[in-house]
Amino acid sequence: MKAPEPRHWVVLGSDAQRRIGVKPDQLRAEFEAGRELALSTDFPGAAANAVL
């Protein structure tokens, strides 16, 4: 199989695709659950001068 850009790894099978897809969802949920705590730790005025 030729692809325009070779992939580092290839997921084979619907079970593997589904199982691998769950991990990013779990990470996103964990990330969002800590949002308020993370934002509450900002140094006053730091967000206005953020580089990113």
PDB file of N, CA and C in Angstrom:
ATOM      1  N   MET A   1       0.838  -1.172   0.000  1.00  0.00           N
ATOM      2  CA  MET A   1       0.000   0.000   0.000  1.00  0.00           C
ATOM      3  C   MET A   1       0.885   1.238   0.000  1.00  0.00           C
ATOM      4  N   LYS A   2       0.636   2.119  -0.935  1.00  0.00           N
ATOM      5  CA  LYS A   2       1.395   3.364  -0.991  1.00  0.00           C
ATOM      6  C   LYS A   2       0.539   4.495  -0.445  1.00  0.00           C
ATOM      7  N   ALA A   3       1.133   5.280   0.390  1.00  0.00           N
ATOM      8  CA  ALA A   3       0.444   6.434   0.968  1.00  0.00           C
ATOM      9  C   ALA A   3       1.241   7.682   0.632  1.00  0.00           C
ATOM     10  N   PRO A   4       0.557   8.828   0.476  1.00  0.00           N
ATOM     11  CA  PRO A   4       1.272  10.078   0.184  1.00  0.00           C
ATOM     12  C   PRO A   4       2.350  10.377   1.221  1.00  0.00           C
ATOM     13  N   GLU A   5       2.033  10.129   2.480  1.00  0.00           N
ATOM     14  CA  GLU A   5       3.000  10.303   3.564  1.00  0.00           C
ATOM     15  C   GLU A   5       3.026   9.001   4.359  1.00  0.00           C
ATOM     16  N   PRO A   6       4.154   8.318   4.394  1.00  0.00           N
ATOM     17  CA  PRO A   6       4.220   7.066   5.153  1.00  0.00           C
ATOM     18  C   PRO A   6       3.915   7.306   6.626  1.00  0.00           C
ATOM     19  N   ARG A   7       3.137   6.435   7.196  1.00  0.00           N
ATOM     20  CA  ARG A   7       2.776   6.548   8.611  1.00  0.00           C
ATOM     21  C   ARG A   7       3.818   5.852   9.462  1.00  0.00           C
ATOM     22  N   HIS A   8       3.979   6.361  10.668  1.00  0.00           N
ATOM     23  CA  HIS A   8       4.916   5.744  11.611  1.00  0.00           C
ATOM     24  C   HIS A   8       4.424   4.357  12.010  1.00  0.00           C
ATOM     25  N   TRP A   9       3.122   4.234  12.237  1.00  0.00           N
ATOM     26  CA  TRP A   9       2.524   2.950  12.549  1.00  0.00           C
ATOM     27  C   TRP A   9       1.124   2.930  11.975  1.00  0.00           C
ATOM     28  N   VAL A  10       0.608   1.726  11.750  1.00  0.00           N
ATOM     29  CA  VAL A  10      -0.708   1.548  11.145  1.00  0.00           C
ATOM     30  C   VAL A  10      -1.561   0.688  12.076  1.00  0.00           C
ATOM     31  N   VAL A  11      -2.776   1.123  12.308  1.00  0.00           N
ATOM     32  CA  VAL A  11      -3.714   0.378  13.136  1.00  0.00           C
ATOM     33  C   VAL A  11      -4.476  -0.576  12.221  1.00  0.00           C
ATOM     34  N   LEU A  12      -4.472  -1.845  12.560  1.00  0.00           N
ATOM     35  CA  LEU A  12      -5.158  -2.843  11.752  1.00  0.00           C
ATOM     36  C   LEU A  12      -6.335  -3.432  12.531  1.00  0.00           C
ATOM     37  N   GLY A  13      -7.508  -3.321  11.986  1.00  0.00           N
ATOM     38  CA  GLY A  13      -8.708  -3.904  12.582  1.00  0.00           C
ATOM     39  C   GLY A  13      -9.559  -2.885  13.313  1.00  0.00           C
ATOM     40  N   SER A  14     -10.867  -3.127  13.257  1.00  0.00           N
ATOM     41  CA  SER A  14     -11.804  -2.194  13.891  1.00  0.00           C
ATOM     42  C   SER A  14     -11.690  -2.211  15.409  1.00  0.00           C
ATOM     43  N   ASP A  15     -11.389  -3.373  15.992  1.00  0.00           N
ATOM     44  CA  ASP A  15     -11.227  -3.441  17.451  1.00  0.00           C
ATOM     45  C   ASP A  15     -10.060  -2.574  17.905  1.00  0.00           C
ATOM     46  N   ALA A  16      -8.945  -2.681  17.206  1.00  0.00           N
ATOM     47  CA  ALA A  16      -7.766  -1.881  17.551  1.00  0.00           C
ATOM     48  C   ALA A  16      -8.053  -0.400  17.372  1.00  0.00           C
ATOM     49  N   GLN A  17      -8.714  -0.048  16.291  1.00  0.00           N
ATOM     50  CA  GLN A  17      -9.046   1.358  16.033  1.00  0.00           C
ATOM     51  C   GLN A  17      -9.908   1.924  17.155  1.00  0.00           C
ATOM     52  N   ARG A  18     -10.913   1.158  17.558  1.00  0.00           N
ATOM     53  CA  ARG A  18     -11.821   1.605  18.618  1.00  0.00           C
ATOM     54  C   ARG A  18     -11.089   1.730  19.951  1.00  0.00           C
ATOM     55  N   ARG A  19     -10.277   0.723  20.295  1.00  0.00           N
ATOM     56  CA  ARG A  19      -9.570   0.739  21.580  1.00  0.00           C
ATOM     57  C   ARG A  19      -8.558   1.877  21.649  1.00  0.00           C
ATOM     58  N   ILE A  20      -7.854   2.103  20.576  1.00  0.00           N
ATOM     59  CA  ILE A  20      -6.869   3.182  20.552  1.00  0.00           C
ATOM     60  C   ILE A  20      -7.570   4.533  20.606  1.00  0.00           C
ATOM     61  N   GLY A  21      -8.722   4.640  19.992  1.00  0.00           N
ATOM     62  CA  GLY A  21      -9.468   5.895  19.989  1.00  0.00           C
ATOM     63  C   GLY A  21      -9.981   6.298  21.354  1.00  0.00           C
ATOM     64  N   VAL A  22     -10.123   5.359  22.262  1.00  0.00           N
ATOM     65  CA  VAL A  22     -10.623   5.652  23.606  1.00  0.00           C
ATOM     66  C   VAL A  22      -9.599   6.459  24.407  1.00  0.00           C
ATOM     67  N   LYS A  23      -8.323   6.190  24.221  1.00  0.00           N
ATOM     68  CA  LYS A  23      -7.274   6.839  25.015  1.00  0.00           C
ATOM     69  C   LYS A  23      -7.288   8.361  24.874  1.00  0.00           C
ATOM     70  N   PRO A  24      -7.336   8.923  23.655  1.00  0.00           N
ATOM     71  CA  PRO A  24      -7.383  10.388  23.558  1.00  0.00           C
ATOM     72  C   PRO A  24      -8.629  10.971  24.236  1.00  0.00           C
ATOM     73  N   ASP A  25      -9.744  10.239  24.169  1.00  0.00           N
ATOM     74  CA  ASP A  25     -10.956  10.711  24.837  1.00  0.00           C
ATOM     75  C   ASP A  25     -10.757  10.764  26.351  1.00  0.00           C
ATOM     76  N   GLN A  26     -10.094   9.737  26.906  1.00  0.00           N
ATOM     77  CA  GLN A  26      -9.822   9.716  28.341  1.00  0.00           C
ATOM     78  C   GLN A  26      -8.876  10.851  28.736  1.00  0.00           C
ATOM     79  N   LEU A  27      -7.846  11.067  27.923  1.00  0.00           N
ATOM     80  CA  LEU A  27      -6.895  12.138  28.215  1.00  0.00           C
ATOM     81  C   LEU A  27      -7.572  13.506  28.156  1.00  0.00           C
ATOM     82  N   ARG A  28      -8.435  13.717  27.166  1.00  0.00           N
ATOM     83  CA  ARG A  28      -9.149  14.990  27.038  1.00  0.00           C
ATOM     84  C   ARG A  28     -10.045  15.216  28.251  1.00  0.00           C
ATOM     85  N   ALA A  29     -10.758  14.184  28.700  1.00  0.00           N
ATOM     86  CA  ALA A  29     -11.637  14.311  29.861  1.00  0.00           C
ATOM     87  C   ALA A  29     -10.837  14.664  31.110  1.00  0.00           C
ATOM     88  N   GLU A  30      -9.690  14.013  31.288  1.00  0.00           N
ATOM     89  CA  GLU A  30      -8.839  14.298  32.444  1.00  0.00           C
ATOM     90  C   GLU A  30      -8.290  15.728  32.365  1.00  0.00           C
ATOM     91  N   PHE A  31      -7.885  16.128  31.176  1.00  0.00           N
ATOM     92  CA  PHE A  31      -7.370  17.474  30.956  1.00  0.00           C
ATOM     93  C   PHE A  31      -8.436  18.519  31.291  1.00  0.00           C
ATOM     94  N   GLU A  32      -9.645  18.311  30.793  1.00  0.00           N
ATOM     95  CA  GLU A  32     -10.733  19.266  31.034  1.00  0.00           C
ATOM     96  C   GLU A  32     -11.164  19.283  32.495  1.00  0.00           C
ATOM     97  N   ALA A  33     -11.081  18.134  33.180  1.00  0.00           N
ATOM     98  CA  ALA A  33     -11.468  18.071  34.594  1.00  0.00           C
ATOM     99  C   ALA A  33     -10.552  18.940  35.454  1.00  0.00           C
ATOM    100  N   GLY A  34      -9.317  19.115  35.042  1.00  0.00           N
ATOM    101  CA  GLY A  34      -8.375  19.925  35.811  1.00  0.00           C
ATOM    102  C   GLY A  34      -8.293  21.370  35.361  1.00  0.00           C
ATOM    103  N   ARG A  35      -9.141  21.771  34.427  1.00  0.00           N
ATOM    104  CA  ARG A  35      -9.077  23.122  33.851  1.00  0.00           C
ATOM    105  C   ARG A  35      -9.193  24.236  34.903  1.00  0.00           C
ATOM    106  N   GLU A  36     -10.213  24.160  35.723  1.00  0.00           N
ATOM    107  CA  GLU A  36     -10.413  25.245  36.705  1.00  0.00           C
ATOM    108  C   GLU A  36      -9.258  25.347  37.691  1.00  0.00           C
ATOM    109  N   LEU A  37      -8.757  24.212  38.139  1.00  0.00           N
ATOM    110  CA  LEU A  37      -7.613  24.232  39.052  1.00  0.00           C
ATOM    111  C   LEU A  37      -6.399  24.851  38.363  1.00  0.00           C
ATOM    112  N   ALA A  38      -6.151  24.444  37.129  1.00  0.00           N
ATOM    113  CA  ALA A  38      -4.998  24.976  36.403  1.00  0.00           C
ATOM    114  C   ALA A  38      -5.114  26.493  36.223  1.00  0.00           C
ATOM    115  N   LEU A  39      -6.278  26.952  35.843  1.00  0.00           N
ATOM    116  CA  LEU A  39      -6.463  28.389  35.629  1.00  0.00           C
ATOM    117  C   LEU A  39      -6.390  29.175  36.933  1.00  0.00           C
ATOM    118  N   SER A  40      -6.751  28.533  38.030  1.00  0.00           N
ATOM    119  CA  SER A  40      -6.730  29.234  39.321  1.00  0.00           C
ATOM    120  C   SER A  40      -5.319  29.449  39.843  1.00  0.00           C
ATOM    121  N   THR A  41      -4.333  28.801  39.254  1.00  0.00           N
ATOM    122  CA  THR A  41      -2.959  28.925  39.743  1.00  0.00           C
ATOM    123  C   THR A  41      -2.148  29.960  38.976  1.00  0.00           C
ATOM    124  N   ASP A  42      -2.774  30.662  38.028  1.00  0.00           N
ATOM    125  CA  ASP A  42      -2.065  31.696  37.265  1.00  0.00           C
ATOM    126  C   ASP A  42      -1.558  32.798  38.187  1.00  0.00           C
ATOM    127  N   PHE A  43      -0.400  33.293  37.907  1.00  0.00           N
ATOM    128  CA  PHE A  43       0.120  34.463  38.597  1.00  0.00           C
ATOM    129  C   PHE A  43      -0.687  35.650  38.100  1.00  0.00           C
ATOM    130  N   PRO A  44      -1.131  36.544  38.983  1.00  0.00           N
ATOM    131  CA  PRO A  44      -1.957  37.672  38.543  1.00  0.00           C
ATOM    132  C   PRO A  44      -1.292  38.459  37.395  1.00  0.00           C
ATOM    133  N   GLY A  45      -2.035  38.655  36.336  1.00  0.00           N
ATOM    134  CA  GLY A  45      -1.552  39.421  35.191  1.00  0.00           C
ATOM    135  C   GLY A  45      -0.719  38.611  34.211  1.00  0.00           C
ATOM    136  N   ALA A  46      -0.407  37.358  34.532  1.00  0.00           N
ATOM    137  CA  ALA A  46       0.456  36.553  33.666  1.00  0.00           C
ATOM    138  C   ALA A  46      -0.220  36.199  32.348  1.00  0.00           C
ATOM    139  N   ALA A  47      -1.522  35.991  32.355  1.00  0.00           N
ATOM    140  CA  ALA A  47      -2.223  35.596  31.130  1.00  0.00           C
ATOM    141  C   ALA A  47      -2.129  36.683  30.066  1.00  0.00           C
ATOM    142  N   ALA A  48      -2.118  37.940  30.466  1.00  0.00           N
ATOM    143  CA  ALA A  48      -2.033  39.038  29.504  1.00  0.00           C
ATOM    144  C   ALA A  48      -0.684  39.081  28.812  1.00  0.00           C
ATOM    145  N   ASN A  49       0.366  38.564  29.453  1.00  0.00           N
ATOM    146  CA  ASN A  49       1.704  38.587  28.874  1.00  0.00           C
ATOM    147  C   ASN A  49       2.162  37.237  28.364  1.00  0.00           C
ATOM    148  N   ALA A  50       1.232  36.294  28.216  1.00  0.00           N
ATOM    149  CA  ALA A  50       1.588  34.934  27.787  1.00  0.00           C
ATOM    150  C   ALA A  50       2.179  34.955  26.377  1.00  0.00           C
ATOM    151  N   VAL A  51       3.188  34.129  26.166  1.00  0.00           N
ATOM    152  CA  VAL A  51       3.862  34.053  24.870  1.00  0.00           C
ATOM    153  C   VAL A  51       3.061  33.220  23.898  1.00  0.00           C
ATOM    154  N   LEU A  52       2.445  32.153  24.350  1.00  0.00           N
ATOM    155  CA  LEU A  52       1.717  31.256  23.457  1.00  0.00           C
ATOM    156  C   LEU A  52       0.383  31.803  23.076  1.00  0.00           C
TER     157      LEU A  52
END
